[in-house]
PDB file of N, CA and C in Angstrom:
ATOM      1  N   MET A   1      14.494 -18.139  -9.224  1.00  0.00           N
ATOM      2  CA  MET A   1      14.168 -17.576  -7.946  1.00  0.00           C
ATOM      3  C   MET A   1      14.600 -18.524  -6.830  1.00  0.00           C
ATOM      4  N   SER A   2      15.007 -17.941  -5.761  1.00  0.00           N
ATOM      5  CA  SER A   2      15.492 -18.717  -4.630  1.00  0.00           C
ATOM      6  C   SER A   2      14.330 -19.193  -3.761  1.00  0.00           C
ATOM      7  N   SER A   3      14.438 -20.390  -3.269  1.00  0.00           N
ATOM      8  CA  SER A   3      13.452 -20.876  -2.313  1.00  0.00           C
ATOM      9  C   SER A   3      14.102 -21.051  -0.941  1.00  0.00           C
ATOM     10  N   TYR A   4      15.161 -20.333  -0.708  1.00  0.00           N
ATOM     11  CA  TYR A   4      15.895 -20.416   0.542  1.00  0.00           C
ATOM     12  C   TYR A   4      15.026 -19.864   1.659  1.00  0.00           C
ATOM     13  N   PHE A   5      14.572 -20.703   2.544  1.00  0.00           N
ATOM     14  CA  PHE A   5      13.683 -20.342   3.646  1.00  0.00           C
ATOM     15  C   PHE A   5      12.417 -19.648   3.152  1.00  0.00           C
ATOM     16  N   SER A   6      11.984 -19.957   1.950  1.00  0.00           N
ATOM     17  CA  SER A   6      10.795 -19.354   1.353  1.00  0.00           C
ATOM     18  C   SER A   6      10.871 -17.835   1.340  1.00  0.00           C
ATOM     19  N   PHE A   7      12.056 -17.299   1.129  1.00  0.00           N
ATOM     20  CA  PHE A   7      12.261 -15.859   1.111  1.00  0.00           C
ATOM     21  C   PHE A   7      11.817 -15.305  -0.232  1.00  0.00           C
ATOM     22  N   PRO A   8      10.918 -14.316  -0.259  1.00  0.00           N
ATOM     23  CA  PRO A   8      10.418 -13.785  -1.533  1.00  0.00           C
ATOM     24  C   PRO A   8      11.459 -12.905  -2.215  1.00  0.00           C
ATOM     25  N   SER A   9      12.101 -13.429  -3.234  1.00  0.00           N
ATOM     26  CA  SER A   9      13.149 -12.668  -3.894  1.00  0.00           C
ATOM     27  C   SER A   9      12.678 -11.978  -5.166  1.00  0.00           C
ATOM     28  N   PHE A  10      11.481 -12.302  -5.651  1.00  0.00           N
ATOM     29  CA  PHE A  10      11.003 -11.710  -6.893  1.00  0.00           C
ATOM     30  C   PHE A  10      10.798 -10.203  -6.750  1.00  0.00           C
ATOM     31  N   VAL A  11      10.426  -9.748  -5.577  1.00  0.00           N
ATOM     32  CA  VAL A  11      10.241  -8.314  -5.344  1.00  0.00           C
ATOM     33  C   VAL A  11      11.547  -7.571  -5.597  1.00  0.00           C
ATOM     34  N   PHE A  12      12.649  -8.125  -5.151  1.00  0.00           N
ATOM     35  CA  PHE A  12      13.939  -7.477  -5.329  1.00  0.00           C
ATOM     36  C   PHE A  12      14.379  -7.501  -6.793  1.00  0.00           C
ATOM     37  N   VAL A  13      13.999  -8.539  -7.502  1.00  0.00           N
ATOM     38  CA  VAL A  13      14.301  -8.601  -8.929  1.00  0.00           C
ATOM     39  C   VAL A  13      13.547  -7.497  -9.670  1.00  0.00           C
ATOM     40  N   VAL A  14      12.274  -7.330  -9.349  1.00  0.00           N
ATOM     41  CA  VAL A  14      11.464  -6.286  -9.981  1.00  0.00           C
ATOM     42  C   VAL A  14      12.005  -4.912  -9.626  1.00  0.00           C
ATOM     43  N   TYR A  15      12.380  -4.693  -8.371  1.00  0.00           N
ATOM     44  CA  TYR A  15      12.965  -3.407  -7.974  1.00  0.00           C
ATOM     45  C   TYR A  15      14.271  -3.154  -8.732  1.00  0.00           C
ATOM     46  N   GLY A  16      15.043  -4.192  -8.966  1.00  0.00           N
ATOM     47  CA  GLY A  16      16.268  -4.043  -9.741  1.00  0.00           C
ATOM     48  C   GLY A  16      15.997  -3.650 -11.177  1.00  0.00           C
ATOM     49  N   TRP A  17      14.991  -4.271 -11.783  1.00  0.00           N
ATOM     50  CA  TRP A  17      14.619  -3.908 -13.158  1.00  0.00           C
ATOM     51  C   TRP A  17      14.167  -2.454 -13.217  1.00  0.00           C
ATOM     52  N   LEU A  18      13.327  -2.065 -12.271  1.00  0.00           N
ATOM     53  CA  LEU A  18      12.839  -0.689 -12.254  1.00  0.00           C
ATOM     54  C   LEU A  18      13.968   0.303 -11.993  1.00  0.00           C
ATOM     55  N   GLY A  19      14.906  -0.084 -11.144  1.00  0.00           N
ATOM     56  CA  GLY A  19      16.057   0.780 -10.883  1.00  0.00           C
ATOM     57  C   GLY A  19      16.908   0.993 -12.118  1.00  0.00           C
ATOM     58  N   ARG A  20      17.087  -0.063 -12.882  1.00  0.00           N
ATOM     59  CA  ARG A  20      17.846   0.082 -14.134  1.00  0.00           C
ATOM     60  C   ARG A  20      17.112   0.967 -15.130  1.00  0.00           C
ATOM     61  N   LEU A  21      15.790   0.869 -15.164  1.00  0.00           N
ATOM     62  CA  LEU A  21      15.016   1.719 -16.069  1.00  0.00           C
ATOM     63  C   LEU A  21      15.115   3.200 -15.695  1.00  0.00           C
ATOM     64  N   LEU A  22      15.261   3.480 -14.404  1.00  0.00           N
ATOM     65  CA  LEU A  22      15.353   4.865 -13.950  1.00  0.00           C
ATOM     66  C   LEU A  22      16.773   5.415 -14.000  1.00  0.00           C
ATOM     67  N   GLY A  23      17.696   4.675 -14.532  1.00  0.00           N
ATOM     68  CA  GLY A  23      19.036   5.212 -14.704  1.00  0.00           C
ATOM     69  C   GLY A  23      20.110   4.563 -13.859  1.00  0.00           C
ATOM     70  N   GLY A  24      19.854   3.408 -13.334  1.00  0.00           N
ATOM     71  CA  GLY A  24      20.873   2.713 -12.562  1.00  0.00           C
ATOM     72  C   GLY A  24      20.435   2.518 -11.126  1.00  0.00           C
ATOM     73  N   ILE A  25      21.080   1.567 -10.498  1.00  0.00           N
ATOM     74  CA  ILE A  25      20.731   1.256  -9.114  1.00  0.00           C
ATOM     75  C   ILE A  25      21.573   2.136  -8.210  1.00  0.00           C
ATOM     76  N   ASN A  26      20.943   3.185  -7.721  1.00  0.00           N
ATOM     77  CA  ASN A  26      21.568   4.065  -6.741  1.00  0.00           C
ATOM     78  C   ASN A  26      20.511   4.485  -5.736  1.00  0.00           C
ATOM     79  N   LEU A  27      20.905   5.217  -4.746  1.00  0.00           N
ATOM     80  CA  LEU A  27      19.989   5.568  -3.670  1.00  0.00           C
ATOM     81  C   LEU A  27      18.815   6.389  -4.167  1.00  0.00           C
ATOM     82  N   THR A  28      19.055   7.315  -5.068  1.00  0.00           N
ATOM     83  CA  THR A  28      17.995   8.193  -5.546  1.00  0.00           C
ATOM     84  C   THR A  28      16.933   7.422  -6.318  1.00  0.00           C
ATOM     85  N   SER A  29      17.348   6.573  -7.231  1.00  0.00           N
ATOM     86  CA  SER A  29      16.358   5.842  -8.027  1.00  0.00           C
ATOM     87  C   SER A  29      15.600   4.839  -7.170  1.00  0.00           C
ATOM     88  N   MET A  30      16.267   4.182  -6.248  1.00  0.00           N
ATOM     89  CA  MET A  30      15.582   3.200  -5.414  1.00  0.00           C
ATOM     90  C   MET A  30      14.610   3.871  -4.456  1.00  0.00           C
ATOM     91  N   ARG A  31      14.965   5.035  -3.938  1.00  0.00           N
ATOM     92  CA  ARG A  31      14.033   5.760  -3.071  1.00  0.00           C
ATOM     93  C   ARG A  31      12.843   6.270  -3.875  1.00  0.00           C
ATOM     94  N   SER A  32      13.076   6.650  -5.117  1.00  0.00           N
ATOM     95  CA  SER A  32      11.974   7.086  -5.981  1.00  0.00           C
ATOM     96  C   SER A  32      11.022   5.931  -6.261  1.00  0.00           C
ATOM     97  N   ILE A  33      11.564   4.756  -6.517  1.00  0.00           N
ATOM     98  CA  ILE A  33      10.732   3.577  -6.756  1.00  0.00           C
ATOM     99  C   ILE A  33       9.929   3.247  -5.509  1.00  0.00           C
ATOM    100  N   GLU A  34      10.564   3.300  -4.357  1.00  0.00           N
ATOM    101  CA  GLU A  34       9.874   3.007  -3.104  1.00  0.00           C
ATOM    102  C   GLU A  34       8.753   3.999  -2.848  1.00  0.00           C
ATOM    103  N   ALA A  35       8.992   5.271  -3.172  1.00  0.00           N
ATOM    104  CA  ALA A  35       7.946   6.286  -3.008  1.00  0.00           C
ATOM    105  C   ALA A  35       6.782   6.021  -3.955  1.00  0.00           C
ATOM    106  N   MET A  36       7.078   5.664  -5.191  1.00  0.00           N
ATOM    107  CA  MET A  36       6.009   5.373  -6.156  1.00  0.00           C
ATOM    108  C   MET A  36       5.191   4.153  -5.736  1.00  0.00           C
ATOM    109  N   VAL A  37       5.857   3.135  -5.232  1.00  0.00           N
ATOM    110  CA  VAL A  37       5.151   1.937  -4.771  1.00  0.00           C
ATOM    111  C   VAL A  37       4.275   2.284  -3.563  1.00  0.00           C
ATOM    112  N   GLY A  38       4.792   3.100  -2.667  1.00  0.00           N
ATOM    113  CA  GLY A  38       4.009   3.504  -1.509  1.00  0.00           C
ATOM    114  C   GLY A  38       2.780   4.306  -1.888  1.00  0.00           C
ATOM    115  N   LEU A  39       2.941   5.270  -2.792  1.00  0.00           N
ATOM    116  CA  LEU A  39       1.797   6.065  -3.239  1.00  0.00           C
ATOM    117  C   LEU A  39       0.780   5.223  -3.992  1.00  0.00           C
ATOM    118  N   ALA A  40       1.273   4.279  -4.783  1.00  0.00           N
ATOM    119  CA  ALA A  40       0.356   3.397  -5.513  1.00  0.00           C
ATOM    120  C   ALA A  40      -0.430   2.502  -4.556  1.00  0.00           C
ATOM    121  N   SER A  41       0.226   2.011  -3.511  1.00  0.00           N
ATOM    122  CA  SER A  41      -0.488   1.155  -2.560  1.00  0.00           C
ATOM    123  C   SER A  41      -1.521   1.948  -1.772  1.00  0.00           C
ATOM    124  N   ILE A  42      -1.216   3.197  -1.438  1.00  0.00           N
ATOM    125  CA  ILE A  42      -2.200   4.046  -0.760  1.00  0.00           C
ATOM    126  C   ILE A  42      -3.397   4.286  -1.677  1.00  0.00           C
ATOM    127  N   ALA A  43      -3.140   4.600  -2.931  1.00  0.00           N
ATOM    128  CA  ALA A  43      -4.233   4.848  -3.879  1.00  0.00           C
ATOM    129  C   ALA A  43      -5.068   3.595  -4.101  1.00  0.00           C
ATOM    130  N   LEU A  44      -4.417   2.447  -4.214  1.00  0.00           N
ATOM    131  CA  LEU A  44      -5.154   1.208  -4.453  1.00  0.00           C
ATOM    132  C   LEU A  44      -6.009   0.802  -3.262  1.00  0.00           C
ATOM    133  N   PHE A  45      -5.604   1.185  -2.050  1.00  0.00           N
ATOM    134  CA  PHE A  45      -6.433   0.907  -0.889  1.00  0.00           C
ATOM    135  C   PHE A  45      -7.522   1.962  -0.730  1.00  0.00           C
ATOM    136  N   TYR A  46      -7.194   3.205  -0.960  1.00  0.00           N
ATOM    137  CA  TYR A  46      -8.113   4.303  -0.692  1.00  0.00           C
ATOM    138  C   TYR A  46      -9.322   4.282  -1.622  1.00  0.00           C
ATOM    139  N   LEU A  47      -9.104   4.010  -2.902  1.00  0.00           N
ATOM    140  CA  LEU A  47     -10.206   4.069  -3.864  1.00  0.00           C
ATOM    141  C   LEU A  47     -11.342   3.095  -3.536  1.00  0.00           C
ATOM    142  N   PRO A  48     -11.080   1.814  -3.278  1.00  0.00           N
ATOM    143  CA  PRO A  48     -12.216   0.944  -2.931  1.00  0.00           C
ATOM    144  C   PRO A  48     -12.648   1.069  -1.477  1.00  0.00           C
ATOM    145  N   ALA A  49     -11.773   1.515  -0.592  1.00  0.00           N
ATOM    146  CA  ALA A  49     -12.109   1.543   0.834  1.00  0.00           C
ATOM    147  C   ALA A  49     -12.928   2.767   1.216  1.00  0.00           C
ATOM    148  N   ARG A  50     -12.780   3.858   0.502  1.00  0.00           N
ATOM    149  CA  ARG A  50     -13.488   5.079   0.889  1.00  0.00           C
ATOM    150  C   ARG A  50     -15.002   4.908   0.929  1.00  0.00           C
ATOM    151  N   PRO A  51     -15.632   4.391  -0.105  1.00  0.00           N
ATOM    152  CA  PRO A  51     -17.098   4.242  -0.007  1.00  0.00           C
ATOM    153  C   PRO A  51     -17.524   3.256   1.074  1.00  0.00           C
ATOM    154  N   LEU A  52     -16.772   2.189   1.255  1.00  0.00           N
ATOM    155  CA  LEU A  52     -17.142   1.186   2.244  1.00  0.00           C
ATOM    156  C   LEU A  52     -16.921   1.668   3.665  1.00  0.00           C
ATOM    157  N   LEU A  53     -15.797   2.303   3.919  1.00  0.00           N
ATOM    158  CA  LEU A  53     -15.492   2.739   5.274  1.00  0.00           C
ATOM    159  C   LEU A  53     -16.365   3.897   5.715  1.00  0.00           C
ATOM    160  N   MET A  54     -16.747   4.769   4.805  1.00  0.00           N
ATOM    161  CA  MET A  54     -17.573   5.899   5.194  1.00  0.00           C
ATOM    162  C   MET A  54     -18.942   5.415   5.686  1.00  0.00           C
ATOM    163  N   LYS A  55     -19.537   4.439   5.022  1.00  0.00           N
ATOM    164  CA  LYS A  55     -20.822   3.901   5.461  1.00  0.00           C
ATOM    165  C   LYS A  55     -20.672   3.185   6.793  1.00  0.00           C
ATOM    166  N   TRP A  56     -19.619   2.409   6.943  1.00  0.00           N
ATOM    167  CA  TRP A  56     -19.399   1.672   8.179  1.00  0.00           C
ATOM    168  C   TRP A  56     -19.188   2.627   9.343  1.00  0.00           C
ATOM    169  N   MET A  57     -18.422   3.680   9.110  1.00  0.00           N
ATOM    170  CA  MET A  57     -18.172   4.642  10.177  1.00  0.00           C
ATOM    171  C   MET A  57     -19.449   5.391  10.549  1.00  0.00           C
ATOM    172  N   ALA A  58     -20.287   5.691   9.583  1.00  0.00           N
ATOM    173  CA  ALA A  58     -21.549   6.368   9.876  1.00  0.00           C
ATOM    174  C   ALA A  58     -22.471   5.462  10.696  1.00  0.00           C
ATOM    175  N   VAL A  59     -22.529   4.185  10.364  1.00  0.00           N
ATOM    176  CA  VAL A  59     -23.352   3.243  11.122  1.00  0.00           C
ATOM    177  C   VAL A  59     -22.821   3.112  12.544  1.00  0.00           C
ATOM    178  N   ALA A  60     -21.519   3.006  12.703  1.00  0.00           N
ATOM    179  CA  ALA A  60     -20.926   2.880  14.034  1.00  0.00           C
ATOM    180  C   ALA A  60     -21.187   4.130  14.868  1.00  0.00           C
ATOM    181  N   ALA A  61     -21.093   5.303  14.267  1.00  0.00           N
ATOM    182  CA  ALA A  61     -21.353   6.543  14.996  1.00  0.00           C
ATOM    183  C   ALA A  61     -22.816   6.646  15.395  1.00  0.00           C
ATOM    184  N   ALA A  62     -23.727   6.228  14.512  1.00  0.00           N
ATOM    185  CA  ALA A  62     -25.150   6.270  14.831  1.00  0.00           C
ATOM    186  C   ALA A  62     -25.481   5.319  15.976  1.00  0.00           C
ATOM    187  N   ARG A  63     -24.879   4.145  15.978  1.00  0.00           N
ATOM    188  CA  ARG A  63     -25.123   3.204  17.068  1.00  0.00           C
ATOM    189  C   ARG A  63     -24.564   3.725  18.393  1.00  0.00           C
ATOM    190  N   ALA A  64     -23.392   4.306  18.348  1.00  0.00           N
ATOM    191  CA  ALA A  64     -22.812   4.867  19.571  1.00  0.00           C
ATOM    192  C   ALA A  64     -23.668   6.006  20.106  1.00  0.00           C
ATOM    193  N   TYR A  65     -24.193   6.830  19.216  1.00  0.00           N
ATOM    194  CA  TYR A  65     -25.056   7.938  19.625  1.00  0.00           C
ATOM    195  C   TYR A  65     -26.355   7.416  20.235  1.00  0.00           C
ATOM    196  N   ALA A  66     -26.913   6.366  19.618  1.00  0.00           N
ATOM    197  CA  ALA A  66     -28.159   5.796  20.120  1.00  0.00           C
ATOM    198  C   ALA A  66     -27.949   5.166  21.492  1.00  0.00           C
ATOM    199  N   ARG A  67     -26.830   4.519  21.711  1.00  0.00           N
ATOM    200  CA  ARG A  67     -26.542   3.921  23.028  1.00  0.00           C
ATOM    201  C   ARG A  67     -26.399   4.997  24.105  1.00  0.00           C
ATOM    202  N   ARG A  68     -25.767   6.077  23.743  1.00  0.00           N
ATOM    203  CA  ARG A  68     -25.521   7.147  24.704  1.00  0.00           C
ATOM    204  C   ARG A  68     -26.828   7.829  25.099  1.00  0.00           C
ATOM    205  N   ARG A  69     -27.714   7.993  24.146  1.00  0.00           N
ATOM    206  CA  ARG A  69     -28.999   8.644  24.433  1.00  0.00           C
ATOM    207  C   ARG A  69     -29.930   7.703  25.190  1.00  0.00           C
ATOM    208  N   GLY A  70     -29.740   6.436  24.969  1.00  0.00           N
ATOM    209  CA  GLY A  70     -30.359   5.335  25.568  1.00  0.00           C
ATOM    210  C   GLY A  70     -31.650   5.218  26.087  1.00  0.00           C
TER     211      GLY A  70
END
């Protein structure tokens, strides 16, 4: 791996491996990999964040309502 300006090159190596597994490095396979990574990152954030954010948002809304009624 290159340490040229601390540039993270391992991500590109992994994308290359995945591209070869999907049938070669071309625009279609790389866009498919990018879409899968994007959907996976959304799912990985959404699953733990949903229970936490819903409670936080409810508390914030209740406080805002209480201030307004004042």
